[in-house]
Amino acid sequence: MLHSLRRAPRARPTALAALCAAGALTLAPLAHGADGYTSKDTANASPITDRFALRAIYFPATLKTVLRLDPSNNPLGGTTLSAENDLGMPSKDHNGSVEAIFRLRERNRIRVDYLKIARTGSTVLTRTIIFGNQIFNVNDEVQSSFAWRLMGFTYTHSFIQSSRFELGAGLGVHLIDADATGSVPARLLQHESSAAGAFPTLALDANWRIWRGLSLTARGQYLSANISGLRGSLGEYHADFQYRLAAPVAIGLGYTSIHIKYETLTGGNPGLLTEDVRGPEFFVRVSF
């Protein structure tokens, strides 16, 4: 009976079991970013570590538009107009735009952005103008509208990257389409014109984590080309400061300048468009 009540020997932990137990406490998986820093480290969280980001932007832009709509059979035959001074369109416009950024692996990023601006104008002409296939006379009351949309796709590769600074270069393409209408209702005259094009650009992109949740981002894109009766250029420049309130939300203040020039002497809608858009940005950014 004494033999039956004797306790069985206690199992002694082996060295391997002890290491496994310690590893369970100290080797919890972390999501690593470039150069060994982690995207879950709130002290280092920044645009450099984000895998995805979405910005909702309020953009009170200042606009300067030069427009020439040529008769379909007479390139260079239209009147060069200022949309603000000649057609009575406002030089300020309050817009919203969006931007999404996708990080592929550690050093590759794709940015997609979209902007639409639409305005109308009404004025009494002080000079005769050729507006496409119509002639509007002095003292005609002209109703007009002009809208354009810009969608960009940009790829950059970061050739310099650390937990605090990132600098990349790459290529972009911007798709733009524009629609213009002018009419004199009293004389039943109207002309509509539209154009669309794709502009490739060379791109530079930089991010700097200044301190904790405060970051500075900047980018620039530009290219000019003259091909077979089509001349065009596009430049886009942006910089902003953003502060990460708490993961995954940041707020920011920035400035954007866009310059577009498009002139074609061929096709069904020959003409010229020069667009300058610039102004501050206020945005909310969600990222992870």
C-alpha atoms as a PDB file:
ATOM      1  CA  MET A   1       0.000   0.000   0.000  1.00  0.00           C
ATOM      2  CA  LEU A   2       2.860   2.330   0.746  1.00  0.00           C
ATOM      3  CA  HIS A   3       4.215   1.478  -2.663  1.00  0.00           C
ATOM      4  CA  SER A   4       0.913   2.350  -4.353  1.00  0.00           C
ATOM      5  CA  LEU A   5       0.708   5.780  -2.668  1.00  0.00           C
ATOM      6  CA  ARG A   6       4.217   6.797  -3.698  1.00  0.00           C
ATOM      7  CA  ARG A   7       4.068   9.841  -6.076  1.00  0.00           C
ATOM      8  CA  ALA A   8       5.320   9.462  -9.589  1.00  0.00           C
ATOM      9  CA  PRO A   9       8.560  11.347 -10.323  1.00  0.00           C
ATOM     10  CA  ARG A  10       8.028  14.971 -11.539  1.00  0.00           C
ATOM     11  CA  ALA A  11       8.959  15.541 -15.163  1.00  0.00           C
ATOM     12  CA  ARG A  12      11.950  17.842 -15.402  1.00  0.00           C
ATOM     13  CA  PRO A  13      11.792  20.556 -18.094  1.00  0.00           C
ATOM     14  CA  THR A  14      14.335  20.042 -20.804  1.00  0.00           C
ATOM     15  CA  ALA A  15      16.502  22.842 -22.167  1.00  0.00           C
ATOM     16  CA  LEU A  16      14.547  22.760 -25.438  1.00  0.00           C
ATOM     17  CA  ALA A  17      11.204  23.181 -23.638  1.00  0.00           C
ATOM     18  CA  ALA A  18      12.586  26.134 -21.679  1.00  0.00           C
ATOM     19  CA  LEU A  19      13.746  27.845 -24.886  1.00  0.00           C
ATOM     20  CA  CYS A  20      10.345  27.274 -26.511  1.00  0.00           C
ATOM     21  CA  ALA A  21       8.558  28.757 -23.486  1.00  0.00           C
ATOM     22  CA  ALA A  22      10.803  31.807 -23.548  1.00  0.00           C
ATOM     23  CA  GLY A  23      10.291  32.175 -27.301  1.00  0.00           C
ATOM     24  CA  ALA A  24       6.527  32.163 -26.850  1.00  0.00           C
ATOM     25  CA  LEU A  25       6.900  35.214 -24.638  1.00  0.00           C
ATOM     26  CA  THR A  26       9.512  37.170 -26.528  1.00  0.00           C
ATOM     27  CA  LEU A  27       9.204  36.262 -30.221  1.00  0.00           C
ATOM     28  CA  ALA A  28       5.676  37.395 -31.032  1.00  0.00           C
ATOM     29  CA  PRO A  29       5.442  38.103 -34.780  1.00  0.00           C
ATOM     30  CA  LEU A  30       5.899  41.728 -35.918  1.00  0.00           C
ATOM     31  CA  ALA A  31       5.189  43.272 -39.285  1.00  0.00           C
ATOM     32  CA  HIS A  32       8.555  44.483 -40.520  1.00  0.00           C
ATOM     33  CA  GLY A  33       9.066  47.409 -42.816  1.00  0.00           C
ATOM     34  CA  ALA A  34      12.134  48.354 -44.817  1.00  0.00           C
ATOM     35  CA  ASP A  35      15.521  48.252 -43.094  1.00  0.00           C
ATOM     36  CA  GLY A  36      14.130  46.316 -40.130  1.00  0.00           C
ATOM     37  CA  TYR A  37      11.765  48.884 -38.637  1.00  0.00           C
ATOM     38  CA  THR A  38       8.154  47.884 -38.046  1.00  0.00           C
ATOM     39  CA  SER A  39       4.927  49.350 -39.323  1.00  0.00           C
ATOM     40  CA  LYS A  40       3.275  48.563 -35.968  1.00  0.00           C
ATOM     41  CA  ASP A  41       5.765  50.705 -34.063  1.00  0.00           C
ATOM     42  CA  THR A  42       3.720  53.863 -33.461  1.00  0.00           C
ATOM     43  CA  ALA A  43       6.847  55.939 -32.884  1.00  0.00           C
ATOM     44  CA  ASN A  44       8.035  55.103 -36.418  1.00  0.00           C
ATOM     45  CA  ALA A  45       4.652  54.994 -38.200  1.00  0.00           C
ATOM     46  CA  SER A  46       4.721  57.346 -41.181  1.00  0.00           C
ATOM     47  CA  PRO A  47       4.043  57.444 -44.939  1.00  0.00           C
ATOM     48  CA  ILE A  48       7.239  55.391 -45.276  1.00  0.00           C
ATOM     49  CA  THR A  49       5.768  52.403 -43.437  1.00  0.00           C
ATOM     50  CA  ASP A  50       2.176  52.600 -44.708  1.00  0.00           C
ATOM     51  CA  ARG A  51       1.095  49.794 -47.016  1.00  0.00           C
ATOM     52  CA  PHE A  52      -2.042  51.613 -48.125  1.00  0.00           C
ATOM     53  CA  ALA A  53      -3.226  55.204 -47.720  1.00  0.00           C
ATOM     54  CA  LEU A  54      -6.308  57.122 -48.813  1.00  0.00           C
ATOM     55  CA  ARG A  55      -6.545  60.923 -48.750  1.00  0.00           C
ATOM     56  CA  ALA A  56      -9.829  62.858 -48.932  1.00  0.00           C
ATOM     57  CA  ILE A  57      -8.900  66.407 -49.960  1.00  0.00           C
ATOM     58  CA  TYR A  58     -10.562  69.804 -49.873  1.00  0.00           C
ATOM     59  CA  PHE A  59      -8.923  71.952 -52.567  1.00  0.00           C
ATOM     60  CA  PRO A  60      -9.994  75.639 -52.843  1.00  0.00           C
ATOM     61  CA  ALA A  61      -8.174  76.262 -56.115  1.00  0.00           C
ATOM     62  CA  THR A  62      -7.251  79.439 -57.970  1.00  0.00           C
ATOM     63  CA  LEU A  63      -7.747  78.921 -61.719  1.00  0.00           C
ATOM     64  CA  LYS A  64      -6.388  80.549 -64.848  1.00  0.00           C
ATOM     65  CA  THR A  65      -7.691  79.125 -68.125  1.00  0.00           C
ATOM     66  CA  VAL A  66      -6.761  80.073 -71.696  1.00  0.00           C
ATOM     67  CA  LEU A  67      -8.974  78.503 -74.327  1.00  0.00           C
ATOM     68  CA  ARG A  68      -9.108  78.521 -78.134  1.00  0.00           C
ATOM     69  CA  LEU A  69     -11.695  76.513 -80.065  1.00  0.00           C
ATOM     70  CA  ASP A  70     -10.881  76.468 -83.773  1.00  0.00           C
ATOM     71  CA  PRO A  71     -13.411  75.921 -86.571  1.00  0.00           C
ATOM     72  CA  SER A  72     -13.199  72.285 -87.634  1.00  0.00           C
ATOM     73  CA  ASN A  73     -11.893  73.277 -91.082  1.00  0.00           C
ATOM     74  CA  ASN A  74      -9.562  76.076 -89.954  1.00  0.00           C
ATOM     75  CA  PRO A  75      -6.929  75.299 -87.301  1.00  0.00           C
ATOM     76  CA  LEU A  76      -5.618  78.460 -85.595  1.00  0.00           C
ATOM     77  CA  GLY A  77      -8.796  80.221 -86.733  1.00  0.00           C
ATOM     78  CA  GLY A  78     -10.446  80.480 -83.323  1.00  0.00           C
ATOM     79  CA  THR A  79     -10.215  83.345 -80.844  1.00  0.00           C
ATOM     80  CA  THR A  80      -7.890  82.917 -77.884  1.00  0.00           C
ATOM     81  CA  LEU A  81      -9.991  83.516 -74.765  1.00  0.00           C
ATOM     82  CA  SER A  82      -9.548  83.843 -71.047  1.00  0.00           C
ATOM     83  CA  ALA A  83     -12.295  81.792 -69.438  1.00  0.00           C
ATOM     84  CA  GLU A  84     -12.282  84.153 -66.442  1.00  0.00           C
ATOM     85  CA  ASN A  85     -12.016  87.528 -68.212  1.00  0.00           C
ATOM     86  CA  ASP A  86     -13.844  86.879 -71.510  1.00  0.00           C
ATOM     87  CA  LEU A  87     -16.465  84.286 -70.542  1.00  0.00           C
ATOM     88  CA  GLY A  88     -17.234  85.370 -66.983  1.00  0.00           C
ATOM     89  CA  MET A  89     -16.174  82.145 -65.249  1.00  0.00           C
ATOM     90  CA  PRO A  90     -15.067  82.376 -61.603  1.00  0.00           C
ATOM     91  CA  SER A  91     -11.324  82.312 -60.918  1.00  0.00           C
ATOM     92  CA  LYS A  92     -11.880  80.439 -57.628  1.00  0.00           C
ATOM     93  CA  ASP A  93     -13.392  77.018 -57.284  1.00  0.00           C
ATOM     94  CA  HIS A  94     -13.949  74.794 -54.260  1.00  0.00           C
ATOM     95  CA  ASN A  95     -13.202  71.198 -55.118  1.00  0.00           C
ATOM     96  CA  GLY A  96     -12.793  67.822 -53.555  1.00  0.00           C
ATOM     97  CA  SER A  97     -10.274  65.291 -54.788  1.00  0.00           C
ATOM     98  CA  VAL A  98      -9.026  61.865 -53.755  1.00  0.00           C
ATOM     99  CA  GLU A  99      -5.696  60.072 -53.739  1.00  0.00           C
ATOM    100  CA  ALA A 100      -4.822  56.441 -53.018  1.00  0.00           C
ATOM    101  CA  ILE A 101      -1.328  54.993 -52.502  1.00  0.00           C
ATOM    102  CA  PHE A 102      -0.421  51.308 -52.622  1.00  0.00           C
ATOM    103  CA  ARG A 103       2.975  50.077 -51.458  1.00  0.00           C
ATOM    104  CA  LEU A 104       4.186  46.918 -53.206  1.00  0.00           C
ATOM    105  CA  ARG A 105       6.777  45.067 -51.159  1.00  0.00           C
ATOM    106  CA  GLU A 106       9.156  47.581 -49.537  1.00  0.00           C
ATOM    107  CA  ARG A 107      10.321  50.089 -52.126  1.00  0.00           C
ATOM    108  CA  ASN A 108       7.642  50.255 -54.831  1.00  0.00           C
ATOM    109  CA  ARG A 109       4.616  52.537 -54.689  1.00  0.00           C
ATOM    110  CA  ILE A 110       1.659  53.213 -56.971  1.00  0.00           C
ATOM    111  CA  ARG A 111      -0.300  56.428 -56.551  1.00  0.00           C
ATOM    112  CA  VAL A 112      -3.731  57.021 -58.095  1.00  0.00           C
ATOM    113  CA  ASP A 113      -5.308  60.492 -57.918  1.00  0.00           C
ATOM    114  CA  TYR A 114      -8.389  62.149 -59.368  1.00  0.00           C
ATOM    115  CA  LEU A 115      -9.491  65.770 -59.744  1.00  0.00           C
ATOM    116  CA  LYS A 116     -12.521  67.269 -61.480  1.00  0.00           C
ATOM    117  CA  ILE A 117     -13.203  70.971 -62.028  1.00  0.00           C
ATOM    118  CA  ALA A 118     -16.434  72.278 -63.591  1.00  0.00           C
ATOM    119  CA  ARG A 119     -17.469  75.912 -64.018  1.00  0.00           C
ATOM    120  CA  THR A 120     -20.089  77.974 -65.805  1.00  0.00           C
ATOM    121  CA  GLY A 121     -20.085  81.592 -66.926  1.00  0.00           C
ATOM    122  CA  SER A 122     -22.370  84.278 -68.265  1.00  0.00           C
ATOM    123  CA  THR A 123     -21.277  87.564 -69.805  1.00  0.00           C
ATOM    124  CA  VAL A 124     -22.058  90.191 -72.440  1.00  0.00           C
ATOM    125  CA  LEU A 125     -19.297  90.273 -75.035  1.00  0.00           C
ATOM    126  CA  THR A 126     -17.251  93.401 -75.623  1.00  0.00           C
ATOM    127  CA  ARG A 127     -15.664  92.006 -78.787  1.00  0.00           C
ATOM    128  CA  THR A 128     -16.487  89.553 -81.562  1.00  0.00           C
ATOM    129  CA  ILE A 129     -15.123  86.068 -80.983  1.00  0.00           C
ATOM    130  CA  ILE A 130     -14.877  82.879 -83.008  1.00  0.00           C
ATOM    131  CA  PHE A 131     -15.946  80.028 -80.735  1.00  0.00           C
ATOM    132  CA  GLY A 132     -15.484  76.824 -82.701  1.00  0.00           C
ATOM    133  CA  ASN A 133     -17.888  76.838 -85.626  1.00  0.00           C
ATOM    134  CA  GLN A 134     -19.866  79.832 -84.305  1.00  0.00           C
ATOM    135  CA  ILE A 135     -19.263  83.577 -84.388  1.00  0.00           C
ATOM    136  CA  PHE A 136     -20.478  85.512 -81.334  1.00  0.00           C
ATOM    137  CA  ASN A 137     -20.840  89.255 -81.771  1.00  0.00           C
ATOM    138  CA  VAL A 138     -20.337  92.304 -79.592  1.00  0.00           C
ATOM    139  CA  ASN A 139     -23.209  92.684 -77.071  1.00  0.00           C
ATOM    140  CA  ASP A 140     -24.221  89.027 -77.401  1.00  0.00           C
ATOM    141  CA  GLU A 141     -25.021  87.487 -74.025  1.00  0.00           C
ATOM    142  CA  VAL A 142     -22.974  84.271 -73.954  1.00  0.00           C
ATOM    143  CA  GLN A 143     -23.660  81.329 -71.669  1.00  0.00           C
ATOM    144  CA  SER A 144     -20.696  78.989 -71.315  1.00  0.00           C
ATOM    145  CA  SER A 145     -19.497  75.952 -69.391  1.00  0.00           C
ATOM    146  CA  PHE A 146     -16.144  74.273 -69.089  1.00  0.00           C
ATOM    147  CA  ALA A 147     -15.285  71.036 -67.265  1.00  0.00           C
ATOM    148  CA  TRP A 148     -12.186  68.904 -67.162  1.00  0.00           C
ATOM    149  CA  ARG A 149     -11.118  65.767 -65.346  1.00  0.00           C
ATOM    150  CA  LEU A 150      -7.610  64.609 -64.530  1.00  0.00           C
ATOM    151  CA  MET A 151      -6.751  61.088 -63.391  1.00  0.00           C
ATOM    152  CA  GLY A 152      -3.163  60.129 -62.676  1.00  0.00           C
ATOM    153  CA  PHE A 153      -1.335  56.824 -62.240  1.00  0.00           C
ATOM    154  CA  THR A 154       2.233  57.062 -60.962  1.00  0.00           C
ATOM    155  CA  TYR A 155       4.789  54.365 -60.148  1.00  0.00           C
ATOM    156  CA  THR A 156       7.908  55.155 -58.118  1.00  0.00           C
ATOM    157  CA  HIS A 157      10.767  53.045 -56.801  1.00  0.00           C
ATOM    158  CA  SER A 158      12.538  54.222 -53.628  1.00  0.00           C
ATOM    159  CA  PHE A 159      16.275  54.135 -54.271  1.00  0.00           C
ATOM    160  CA  ILE A 160      16.910  55.763 -50.880  1.00  0.00           C
ATOM    161  CA  GLN A 161      14.956  54.475 -47.880  1.00  0.00           C
ATOM    162  CA  SER A 162      15.322  54.428 -44.115  1.00  0.00           C
ATOM    163  CA  SER A 163      12.964  54.706 -41.162  1.00  0.00           C
ATOM    164  CA  ARG A 164      13.080  58.520 -41.417  1.00  0.00           C
ATOM    165  CA  PHE A 165      13.578  59.373 -45.105  1.00  0.00           C
ATOM    166  CA  GLU A 166      12.554  58.002 -48.479  1.00  0.00           C
ATOM    167  CA  LEU A 167      13.308  59.252 -51.998  1.00  0.00           C
ATOM    168  CA  GLY A 168      11.950  57.617 -55.122  1.00  0.00           C
ATOM    169  CA  ALA A 169      11.754  58.149 -58.875  1.00  0.00           C
ATOM    170  CA  GLY A 170       9.523  56.719 -61.526  1.00  0.00           C
ATOM    171  CA  LEU A 171       7.024  57.257 -64.316  1.00  0.00           C
ATOM    172  CA  GLY A 172       3.454  58.481 -64.437  1.00  0.00           C
ATOM    173  CA  VAL A 173       0.621  58.873 -66.891  1.00  0.00           C
ATOM    174  CA  HIS A 174      -2.232  61.387 -66.574  1.00  0.00           C
ATOM    175  CA  LEU A 175      -5.497  60.950 -68.421  1.00  0.00           C
ATOM    176  CA  ILE A 176      -7.320  64.201 -69.125  1.00  0.00           C
ATOM    177  CA  ASP A 177     -10.578  64.991 -70.860  1.00  0.00           C
ATOM    178  CA  ALA A 178     -12.221  68.377 -71.262  1.00  0.00           C
ATOM    179  CA  ASP A 179     -15.622  69.609 -72.456  1.00  0.00           C
ATOM    180  CA  ALA A 180     -16.485  73.197 -73.426  1.00  0.00           C
ATOM    181  CA  THR A 181     -19.815  74.697 -74.466  1.00  0.00           C
ATOM    182  CA  GLY A 182     -20.708  78.215 -75.581  1.00  0.00           C
ATOM    183  CA  SER A 183     -24.105  79.504 -76.619  1.00  0.00           C
ATOM    184  CA  VAL A 184     -26.064  82.649 -77.412  1.00  0.00           C
ATOM    185  CA  PRO A 185     -29.669  81.656 -76.557  1.00  0.00           C
ATOM    186  CA  ALA A 186     -31.126  84.827 -78.071  1.00  0.00           C
ATOM    187  CA  ARG A 187     -29.798  83.835 -81.515  1.00  0.00           C
ATOM    188  CA  LEU A 188     -30.069  80.057 -81.073  1.00  0.00           C
ATOM    189  CA  LEU A 189     -26.325  79.608 -81.521  1.00  0.00           C
ATOM    190  CA  GLN A 190     -24.335  76.927 -79.754  1.00  0.00           C
ATOM    191  CA  HIS A 191     -21.031  75.103 -80.088  1.00  0.00           C
ATOM    192  CA  GLU A 192     -19.748  72.143 -78.081  1.00  0.00           C
ATOM    193  CA  SER A 193     -16.240  70.754 -78.134  1.00  0.00           C
ATOM    194  CA  SER A 194     -14.399  67.999 -76.294  1.00  0.00           C
ATOM    195  CA  ALA A 195     -10.874  66.647 -76.220  1.00  0.00           C
ATOM    196  CA  ALA A 196      -9.020  63.867 -74.434  1.00  0.00           C
ATOM    197  CA  GLY A 197      -5.408  62.887 -74.106  1.00  0.00           C
ATOM    198  CA  ALA A 198      -2.797  60.999 -72.108  1.00  0.00           C
ATOM    199  CA  PHE A 199       0.342  62.683 -70.779  1.00  0.00           C
ATOM    200  CA  PRO A 200       3.359  60.635 -69.605  1.00  0.00           C
ATOM    201  CA  THR A 201       5.532  62.254 -66.942  1.00  0.00           C
ATOM    202  CA  LEU A 202       8.783  61.716 -65.072  1.00  0.00           C
ATOM    203  CA  ALA A 203       8.238  61.651 -61.316  1.00  0.00           C
ATOM    204  CA  LEU A 204      10.145  62.288 -58.077  1.00  0.00           C
ATOM    205  CA  ASP A 205       8.625  61.458 -54.691  1.00  0.00           C
ATOM    206  CA  ALA A 206       9.964  62.067 -51.161  1.00  0.00           C
ATOM    207  CA  ASN A 207       8.803  61.347 -47.598  1.00  0.00           C
ATOM    208  CA  TRP A 208      10.433  62.596 -44.413  1.00  0.00           C
ATOM    209  CA  ARG A 209       9.366  61.554 -40.909  1.00  0.00           C
ATOM    210  CA  ILE A 210      10.306  64.672 -38.955  1.00  0.00           C
ATOM    211  CA  TRP A 211       9.273  63.728 -35.438  1.00  0.00           C
ATOM    212  CA  ARG A 212       6.910  61.123 -34.058  1.00  0.00           C
ATOM    213  CA  GLY A 213       3.629  61.571 -35.943  1.00  0.00           C
ATOM    214  CA  LEU A 214       4.758  64.617 -37.965  1.00  0.00           C
ATOM    215  CA  SER A 215       5.811  64.007 -41.584  1.00  0.00           C
ATOM    216  CA  LEU A 216       6.598  66.009 -44.703  1.00  0.00           C
ATOM    217  CA  THR A 217       5.815  64.627 -48.162  1.00  0.00           C
ATOM    218  CA  ALA A 218       6.689  66.215 -51.514  1.00  0.00           C
ATOM    219  CA  ARG A 219       6.540  65.220 -55.150  1.00  0.00           C
ATOM    220  CA  GLY A 220       6.959  66.618 -58.639  1.00  0.00           C
ATOM    221  CA  GLN A 221       6.079  65.389 -62.119  1.00  0.00           C
ATOM    222  CA  TYR A 222       6.717  66.951 -65.533  1.00  0.00           C
ATOM    223  CA  LEU A 223       7.100  66.225 -69.237  1.00  0.00           C
ATOM    224  CA  SER A 224       6.726  68.207 -72.459  1.00  0.00           C
ATOM    225  CA  ALA A 225       6.284  66.733 -75.959  1.00  0.00           C
ATOM    226  CA  ASN A 226       5.616  67.795 -79.557  1.00  0.00           C
ATOM    227  CA  ILE A 227       4.413  64.941 -81.764  1.00  0.00           C
ATOM    228  CA  SER A 228       2.658  65.082 -85.171  1.00  0.00           C
ATOM    229  CA  GLY A 229       0.640  68.261 -84.731  1.00  0.00           C
ATOM    230  CA  LEU A 230       0.072  67.691 -81.027  1.00  0.00           C
ATOM    231  CA  ARG A 231       1.927  69.793 -78.492  1.00  0.00           C
ATOM    232  CA  GLY A 232       1.477  69.319 -74.813  1.00  0.00           C
ATOM    233  CA  SER A 233       3.027  69.509 -71.378  1.00  0.00           C
ATOM    234  CA  LEU A 234       1.985  68.656 -67.874  1.00  0.00           C
ATOM    235  CA  GLY A 235       3.560  69.582 -64.573  1.00  0.00           C
ATOM    236  CA  GLU A 236       2.243  68.739 -61.112  1.00  0.00           C
ATOM    237  CA  TYR A 237       3.926  69.750 -57.864  1.00  0.00           C
ATOM    238  CA  HIS A 238       2.781  69.039 -54.323  1.00  0.00           C
ATOM    239  CA  ALA A 239       4.032  69.315 -50.733  1.00  0.00           C
ATOM    240  CA  ASP A 240       2.277  68.787 -47.410  1.00  0.00           C
ATOM    241  CA  PHE A 241       2.747  68.439 -43.687  1.00  0.00           C
ATOM    242  CA  GLN A 242       0.674  65.758 -42.007  1.00  0.00           C
ATOM    243  CA  TYR A 243       0.242  64.791 -38.395  1.00  0.00           C
ATOM    244  CA  ARG A 244      -0.877  61.333 -37.317  1.00  0.00           C
ATOM    245  CA  LEU A 245      -3.489  61.838 -34.618  1.00  0.00           C
ATOM    246  CA  ALA A 246      -3.789  58.123 -33.908  1.00  0.00           C
ATOM    247  CA  ALA A 247      -3.484  55.053 -36.058  1.00  0.00           C
ATOM    248  CA  PRO A 248      -4.769  54.999 -38.719  1.00  0.00           C
ATOM    249  CA  VAL A 249      -5.885  58.671 -39.066  1.00  0.00           C
ATOM    250  CA  ALA A 250      -3.800  61.728 -39.948  1.00  0.00           C
ATOM    251  CA  ILE A 251      -4.700  65.304 -40.858  1.00  0.00           C
ATOM    252  CA  GLY A 252      -2.685  67.596 -43.059  1.00  0.00           C
ATOM    253  CA  LEU A 253      -2.143  70.895 -44.819  1.00  0.00           C
ATOM    254  CA  GLY A 254      -0.469  71.156 -48.206  1.00  0.00           C
ATOM    255  CA  TYR A 255      -0.138  73.073 -51.458  1.00  0.00           C
ATOM    256  CA  THR A 256      -0.609  71.843 -55.023  1.00  0.00           C
ATOM    257  CA  SER A 257       0.207  73.434 -58.374  1.00  0.00           C
ATOM    258  CA  ILE A 258      -0.851  71.908 -61.705  1.00  0.00           C
ATOM    259  CA  HIS A 259      -0.023  73.254 -65.156  1.00  0.00           C
ATOM    260  CA  ILE A 260      -1.509  71.736 -68.314  1.00  0.00           C
ATOM    261  CA  LYS A 261      -0.966  72.800 -71.923  1.00  0.00           C
ATOM    262  CA  TYR A 262      -2.615  70.965 -74.790  1.00  0.00           C
ATOM    263  CA  GLU A 263      -2.733  72.133 -78.414  1.00  0.00           C
ATOM    264  CA  THR A 264      -3.767  70.129 -81.455  1.00  0.00           C
ATOM    265  CA  LEU A 265      -4.027  71.221 -85.079  1.00  0.00           C
ATOM    266  CA  THR A 266      -5.508  67.958 -86.324  1.00  0.00           C
ATOM    267  CA  GLY A 267      -8.665  65.959 -85.722  1.00  0.00           C
ATOM    268  CA  GLY A 268     -12.261  67.079 -85.403  1.00  0.00           C
ATOM    269  CA  ASN A 269     -11.700  69.526 -82.515  1.00  0.00           C
ATOM    270  CA  PRO A 270      -8.530  71.542 -83.118  1.00  0.00           C
ATOM    271  CA  GLY A 271      -7.704  74.105 -80.470  1.00  0.00           C
ATOM    272  CA  LEU A 272      -5.699  75.110 -77.427  1.00  0.00           C
ATOM    273  CA  LEU A 273      -6.115  74.629 -73.702  1.00  0.00           C
ATOM    274  CA  THR A 274      -3.812  76.072 -71.068  1.00  0.00           C
ATOM    275  CA  GLU A 275      -4.813  75.467 -67.449  1.00  0.00           C
ATOM    276  CA  ASP A 276      -3.122  76.689 -64.278  1.00  0.00           C
ATOM    277  CA  VAL A 277      -4.535  75.345 -61.018  1.00  0.00           C
ATOM    278  CA  ARG A 278      -2.994  76.093 -57.653  1.00  0.00           C
ATOM    279  CA  GLY A 279      -3.933  76.468 -54.045  1.00  0.00           C
ATOM    280  CA  PRO A 280      -3.819  75.030 -50.528  1.00  0.00           C
ATOM    281  CA  GLU A 281      -5.101  71.607 -49.561  1.00  0.00           C
ATOM    282  CA  PHE A 282      -6.739  70.437 -46.350  1.00  0.00           C
ATOM    283  CA  PHE A 283      -7.082  66.693 -46.006  1.00  0.00           C
ATOM    284  CA  VAL A 284      -7.786  63.660 -43.860  1.00  0.00           C
ATOM    285  CA  ARG A 285      -5.620  60.620 -44.467  1.00  0.00           C
ATOM    286  CA  VAL A 286      -6.434  57.049 -43.486  1.00  0.00           C
ATOM    287  CA  SER A 287      -3.660  54.476 -43.726  1.00  0.00           C
ATOM    288  CA  PHE A 288      -2.383  51.165 -42.450  1.00  0.00           C
END
